[in-house]
Protein backbone atom coordinates (compact mmCIF):
# COMPACT_ATOMS: atom_id res chain seq x y z
CA MET A 1 0.00 0.00 0.00
CA PHE A 2 2.82 2.37 0.96
CA LYS A 3 4.66 1.61 -2.29
CA LYS A 4 1.49 2.33 -4.30
CA LEU A 5 1.00 5.71 -2.58
CA SER A 6 4.66 6.58 -3.17
CA LEU A 7 4.34 5.69 -6.84
CA ILE A 8 1.24 7.87 -7.19
CA LEU A 9 2.97 10.78 -5.44
CA VAL A 10 6.00 10.51 -7.73
CA LEU A 11 3.71 10.39 -10.78
CA VAL A 12 1.84 13.52 -9.64
CA ILE A 13 5.12 15.39 -9.12
CA VAL A 14 6.45 14.36 -12.54
CA LEU A 15 3.23 15.38 -14.28
CA GLY A 16 3.31 18.71 -12.44
CA VAL A 17 6.84 19.40 -13.60
CA VAL A 18 5.97 18.44 -17.19
CA PHE A 19 2.85 20.63 -17.31
CA SER A 20 4.61 23.60 -15.69
CA GLY A 21 7.38 23.18 -18.28
CA PHE A 22 4.80 23.29 -21.07
CA ALA A 23 3.19 26.39 -19.51
CA ALA A 24 6.53 28.15 -19.16
CA ALA A 25 7.44 27.31 -22.75
CA SER A 26 4.05 28.57 -23.96
CA GLN A 27 4.46 31.81 -22.01
CA LYS A 28 7.98 32.30 -23.39
CA ASP A 29 6.71 31.75 -26.93
CA THR A 30 3.96 34.34 -26.38
CA GLN A 31 6.40 36.92 -25.02
CA ASN A 32 8.85 36.32 -27.91
CA SER A 33 5.98 36.68 -30.35
CA ILE A 34 5.02 40.03 -28.80
CA LYS A 35 8.62 41.26 -29.12
CA SER A 36 8.71 40.27 -32.81
CA ARG A 37 5.36 41.93 -33.51
CA ILE A 38 6.41 45.16 -31.75
CA MET A 39 9.55 45.26 -33.90
CA THR A 40 7.49 44.73 -37.05
CA ASP A 41 4.98 47.46 -36.13
CA ILE A 42 7.74 50.00 -35.47
CA LEU A 43 9.52 49.18 -38.73
CA LYS A 44 6.25 49.69 -40.63
CA ASP A 45 6.21 53.30 -39.44
CA ASN A 46 9.88 53.89 -40.21
CA ASP A 47 9.11 54.78 -43.82
CA LYS A 48 6.92 57.66 -42.57
CA THR A 49 9.20 58.96 -39.84
CA ASP A 50 12.81 59.53 -38.91
CA PHE A 51 14.50 56.14 -39.00
CA ILE A 52 15.00 54.22 -35.78
CA THR A 53 18.19 52.20 -36.21
CA TRP A 54 18.53 48.49 -35.49
CA LYS A 55 20.82 49.22 -32.53
CA GLN A 56 18.31 51.65 -31.04
CA LEU A 57 15.49 49.16 -31.58
CA SER A 58 17.50 46.32 -30.01
CA SER A 59 18.31 48.52 -27.01
CA MET A 60 14.61 49.36 -26.55
CA LEU A 61 13.44 45.74 -26.86
CA ALA A 62 16.09 44.56 -24.38
CA ASP A 63 14.84 47.05 -21.78
CA TYR A 64 11.17 46.33 -22.53
CA SER A 65 11.75 42.57 -22.24
CA LYS A 66 13.60 42.91 -18.93
CA ASN A 67 11.20 45.35 -17.29
CA ARG A 68 7.88 44.23 -18.74
CA LEU A 69 7.86 40.82 -20.44
CA GLN A 70 9.97 39.09 -17.77
CA SER A 71 8.06 40.62 -14.84
CA ASP A 72 4.47 40.09 -16.02
CA TYR A 73 2.40 38.01 -18.41
CA ILE A 74 1.66 40.37 -21.30
CA VAL A 75 -1.10 39.17 -23.63
CA ASP A 76 -1.50 42.13 -26.00
CA TYR A 77 -0.05 45.54 -26.82
CA ASP A 78 -0.36 48.75 -28.86
CA VAL A 79 2.56 50.69 -30.32
CA ILE A 80 2.50 54.48 -30.76
CA VAL A 81 5.29 56.00 -32.87
CA LYS A 82 5.25 59.79 -32.42
CA ASP A 83 7.17 62.76 -31.04
CA PHE A 84 6.26 62.64 -27.33
CA THR A 85 8.93 65.15 -26.24
CA GLY A 86 8.44 67.88 -28.83
CA ASP A 87 12.07 67.85 -30.00
CA GLY A 88 11.19 66.96 -33.60
CA LYS A 89 12.47 63.39 -33.24
CA ILE A 90 10.47 60.18 -33.12
CA ASP A 91 9.80 58.38 -29.82
CA VAL A 92 8.00 55.09 -29.16
CA GLY A 93 5.22 54.38 -26.69
CA ILE A 94 4.13 50.82 -25.87
CA ILE A 95 0.81 50.11 -24.14
CA SER A 96 0.94 46.57 -22.73
CA ASN A 97 -2.05 44.59 -21.48
CA ASN A 98 -1.56 41.80 -18.96
CA ASP A 99 -3.84 38.83 -18.29
CA ARG A 100 -5.48 40.62 -15.32
CA GLY A 101 -6.77 43.60 -17.30
CA GLN A 102 -4.00 45.97 -16.19
CA LYS A 103 -2.41 48.31 -18.74
CA TYR A 104 1.16 49.64 -18.73
CA LEU A 105 2.59 52.58 -20.67
CA ASP A 106 6.32 52.66 -21.44
CA ILE A 107 7.74 55.55 -23.51
CA TYR A 108 11.21 55.45 -25.08
CA THR A 109 13.35 58.13 -26.68
CA PHE A 110 16.53 57.55 -28.67
CA TYR A 111 20.02 59.07 -28.54
CA GLY A 112 23.05 57.65 -30.28
CA ASN A 113 22.72 53.87 -30.44
CA ASN A 114 20.64 53.59 -27.27
CA ALA A 115 17.01 53.77 -26.20
CA TYR A 116 16.04 55.45 -22.93
CA ARG A 117 12.81 54.76 -21.05
CA ILE A 118 11.52 58.21 -20.07
CA PHE A 119 8.15 57.14 -18.65
CA SER A 120 6.65 54.03 -17.10
CA GLY A 121 3.15 53.91 -15.59
CA LYS A 122 0.10 51.71 -15.23
CA GLY A 123 -3.68 52.05 -15.05
CA LYS A 124 -7.06 50.63 -15.93
CA PHE A 125 -7.33 52.93 -18.95
CA ILE A 126 -4.63 54.74 -20.95
CA LYS A 127 -5.44 57.39 -23.55
CA ILE A 128 -2.86 59.05 -25.81
CA ASN A 129 -3.75 62.64 -26.73
CA LYS A 130 -2.06 64.93 -29.25
CA TYR A 131 0.23 66.65 -26.74
CA SER A 132 -0.35 64.62 -23.57
CA PHE A 133 -1.70 61.33 -22.25
CA ASP A 134 -4.16 60.23 -19.57
CA ILE A 135 -3.81 57.37 -17.10
CA THR A 136 -6.99 56.36 -15.29
CA ASN A 137 -7.62 54.03 -12.35
CA ILE A 138 -10.76 53.05 -10.46
CA GLY A 139 -11.41 54.26 -6.92
CA TYR A 140 -14.21 53.99 -4.40
CA ASP A 141 -15.34 56.44 -1.72
CA GLY A 142 -18.92 55.21 -1.34
CA ARG A 143 -19.35 55.40 -5.12
CA TYR A 144 -17.07 54.07 -7.82
CA TYR A 145 -15.15 56.69 -9.74
CA HIS A 146 -12.41 57.04 -12.33
CA GLU A 147 -9.38 59.00 -11.18
CA THR A 148 -7.47 60.40 -14.14
CA TYR A 149 -4.03 62.01 -14.22
CA THR A 150 -2.87 63.87 -17.33
CA TYR A 151 0.84 64.00 -18.17
CA GLN A 152 2.78 66.25 -20.53
CA TRP A 153 6.46 66.50 -21.38
CA SER A 154 8.40 69.35 -19.75
CA LYS A 155 11.36 70.66 -21.73
CA VAL A 156 12.52 72.50 -18.61
CA TYR A 157 12.68 69.45 -16.31
CA TRP A 158 13.20 66.89 -19.14
CA LYS A 159 10.50 64.56 -17.85
CA PHE A 160 6.74 64.05 -17.94
CA LEU A 161 4.89 66.15 -15.38
CA ARG A 162 1.33 65.80 -14.11
CA ILE A 163 -0.59 68.74 -15.55
CA GLY A 164 -4.17 67.70 -14.80
CA TYR A 165 -6.35 65.66 -12.49
CA ALA A 166 -10.02 64.70 -12.75
CA ARG A 167 -12.36 62.49 -10.77
CA THR A 168 -15.34 61.13 -12.69
CA TYR A 169 -18.06 59.30 -10.77
CA ILE A 170 -19.69 56.25 -12.33
CA LYS A 171 -23.44 56.54 -12.11
CA SER A 172 -24.26 52.87 -12.55
CA GLY A 173 -22.34 51.73 -9.46
CA ASP A 174 -20.82 49.03 -11.65
CA TYR A 175 -17.19 50.02 -12.15
CA ASP A 176 -16.97 48.07 -15.42
CA LYS A 177 -19.70 50.27 -16.94
CA SER A 178 -17.79 53.46 -17.52
CA VAL A 179 -18.79 57.05 -18.16
CA TYR A 180 -15.11 57.76 -18.78
CA ASP A 181 -15.74 57.77 -22.53
CA ASP A 182 -18.89 59.93 -22.34
CA GLU A 183 -18.17 62.39 -25.14
CA ARG A 184 -19.58 65.35 -23.19
CA ILE A 185 -17.04 64.72 -20.42
CA VAL A 186 -14.27 64.20 -22.98
CA THR A 187 -15.14 67.57 -24.56
CA VAL A 188 -15.06 69.39 -21.21
CA LYS A 189 -11.72 67.79 -20.25
CA ALA A 190 -10.20 68.79 -23.60
CA LEU A 191 -11.48 72.35 -23.16
CA LEU A 192 -10.09 72.56 -19.60
CA SER A 193 -6.72 71.12 -20.64
CA ALA A 194 -6.35 73.66 -23.46
CA ARG A 195 -7.38 76.56 -21.21
CA MET A 196 -4.97 75.58 -18.39
CA ASN A 197 -2.14 75.36 -20.94
CA GLY A 198 -3.02 78.82 -22.24
CA ASN A 199 -3.94 77.48 -25.68
CA TYR A 200 -7.08 79.57 -26.21
CA ASP A 201 -7.19 78.93 -29.96
CA LEU A 202 -7.58 75.21 -29.22
CA ALA A 203 -9.95 75.79 -26.30
CA GLU A 204 -12.41 77.69 -28.47
CA LYS A 205 -12.73 74.68 -30.79
CA TYR A 206 -14.76 72.99 -28.02
CA LEU A 207 -17.24 75.88 -27.73
CA SER A 208 -20.41 76.14 -29.80
CA LYS A 209 -20.30 78.64 -32.62
CA SER A 210 -22.74 81.02 -30.93
CA TYR A 211 -20.99 80.86 -27.53
CA ARG A 212 -17.57 81.28 -29.17
CA GLU A 213 -18.78 84.46 -30.88
CA LYS A 214 -20.22 85.72 -27.60
CA LEU A 215 -17.02 85.13 -25.60
CA GLY A 216 -14.20 85.61 -28.06
CA ASN A 217 -10.77 84.12 -27.29
CA ASP A 218 -10.06 86.31 -24.28
CA GLY A 219 -13.43 85.48 -22.76
CA ILE A 220 -12.47 81.87 -22.06
CA ALA A 221 -10.01 82.95 -19.38
CA SER A 222 -12.65 85.16 -17.76
CA VAL A 223 -15.23 82.37 -17.36
CA ILE A 224 -12.76 79.56 -16.50
CA PRO A 225 -10.12 80.50 -13.90
CA TYR A 226 -6.69 78.91 -13.94
CA GLY A 227 -6.67 76.03 -11.45
CA TRP A 228 -6.66 72.34 -10.68
CA VAL A 229 -9.65 70.17 -11.58
CA SER A 230 -10.67 67.78 -8.79
CA ALA A 231 -13.90 66.23 -10.17
CA VAL A 232 -15.88 65.95 -13.39
CA ASP A 233 -19.35 64.41 -13.50
CA ILE A 234 -22.60 64.32 -15.49
CA PHE A 235 -25.60 65.95 -13.78
CA GLU A 236 -28.90 64.61 -15.03
CA SER A 237 -31.94 66.92 -14.99
CA GLN A 238 -35.35 67.10 -16.62
CA ARG A 239 -34.20 70.10 -18.65
CA GLY A 240 -31.18 68.27 -20.02
CA ASP A 241 -27.88 66.90 -18.81
CA TRP A 242 -24.88 69.09 -18.09
CA VAL A 243 -21.31 68.53 -16.92
CA VAL A 244 -20.29 69.67 -13.46
CA VAL A 245 -16.64 70.57 -12.79
CA VAL A 246 -15.18 71.05 -9.32
CA MET A 247 -11.84 72.82 -9.19
CA LYS A 248 -9.51 74.87 -7.03
CA ASP A 249 -8.34 78.21 -8.40
CA ARG A 250 -4.85 79.70 -7.99
CA TRP A 251 -5.84 80.98 -4.53
CA ASN A 252 -6.83 77.42 -3.48
CA GLN A 253 -10.53 78.29 -3.34
CA SER A 254 -12.97 75.52 -4.31
CA ARG A 255 -15.32 76.49 -7.12
CA VAL A 256 -18.06 74.64 -9.02
CA PHE A 257 -18.96 75.21 -12.67
CA LYS A 258 -21.78 74.05 -14.90
CA PHE A 259 -20.83 73.27 -18.52
CA VAL A 260 -23.82 73.01 -20.84
CA PRO A 261 -23.16 70.69 -23.83
CA VAL A 262 -25.11 70.84 -27.11
CA PRO A 263 -24.90 68.59 -30.18
CA GLU A 264 -22.69 70.33 -32.74
CA LYS A 265 -20.55 68.10 -34.91
CA ASP A 266 -17.16 68.84 -36.45
CA ASN A 267 -13.68 67.26 -36.46
CA TYR A 268 -13.31 68.15 -32.76
CA GLY A 269 -16.25 65.95 -31.71
CA ASN A 270 -20.03 65.69 -31.69
CA TYR A 271 -20.62 68.02 -28.72
CA LYS A 272 -19.71 71.62 -27.99
CA ILE A 273 -20.07 73.69 -24.82
CA ASP A 274 -22.83 76.27 -25.20
CA ASN A 275 -22.60 77.92 -21.78
CA ILE A 276 -20.36 77.95 -18.71
CA ILE A 277 -21.90 79.07 -15.42
CA GLU A 278 -20.30 79.24 -12.00
CA ILE A 279 -22.56 77.88 -9.26
CA PRO A 280 -22.14 80.12 -6.21
CA GLU A 281 -21.93 78.63 -2.71
CA ALA A 282 -22.53 75.12 -4.08
CA ARG A 283 -22.54 72.31 -1.49
């Protein structure tokens, strides 16, 4: 009886080692496949951009493999080839998805024969904008919400700095059902980002034609103070939905604003802001 149990135990151990070996080999094959596909995707864009050399590409893939593929199980990815730093040269961003639904963003720039990782972050959602990017995670304070940080490259400090923050509550209570992509909220965030960066020409693109004519470029600064956004949400009413923004101005005073969206379609989206009203003494 003892010999039979011993034989069974040995067989279980052997089978475990064999299956774990197969799993490890399968994982290694997947990671190598991802590396090859990333290389192919970057080379596809090389005919449109400044060339990334083989040595630079090898340097980047070695770092990416060490810091991402060897430390997590990556199942999918997206490659963004663009100038993230504003120096006129091409950089590479890689958004990696692991098997638990987590996303990573790694950004590389190139000098000489080497690649340098200038940003590494993770979140539930990652969105690449024209001049910045957003990283969003899910929080809970009695209601589920998305907490979004916006980053932009600083030529002064030679690194990505946080330039914006927003908290967006999820009405459904189910954190997988997101209002993060609600286009009215996206429009307001884009407007706020442009205003805080002093880009009034861009900010006015998110205003309705009639409201833009009423305010003019200089009027945007008068209705939206410079500050730090702490929350963005949709307020539902019988007379129509509007976007509420809570922010602190440069004197650290909390202020609440009502942004009224209207359907107006162009290449900047399907909604425009038709009115901005500060709500006094809001609680």
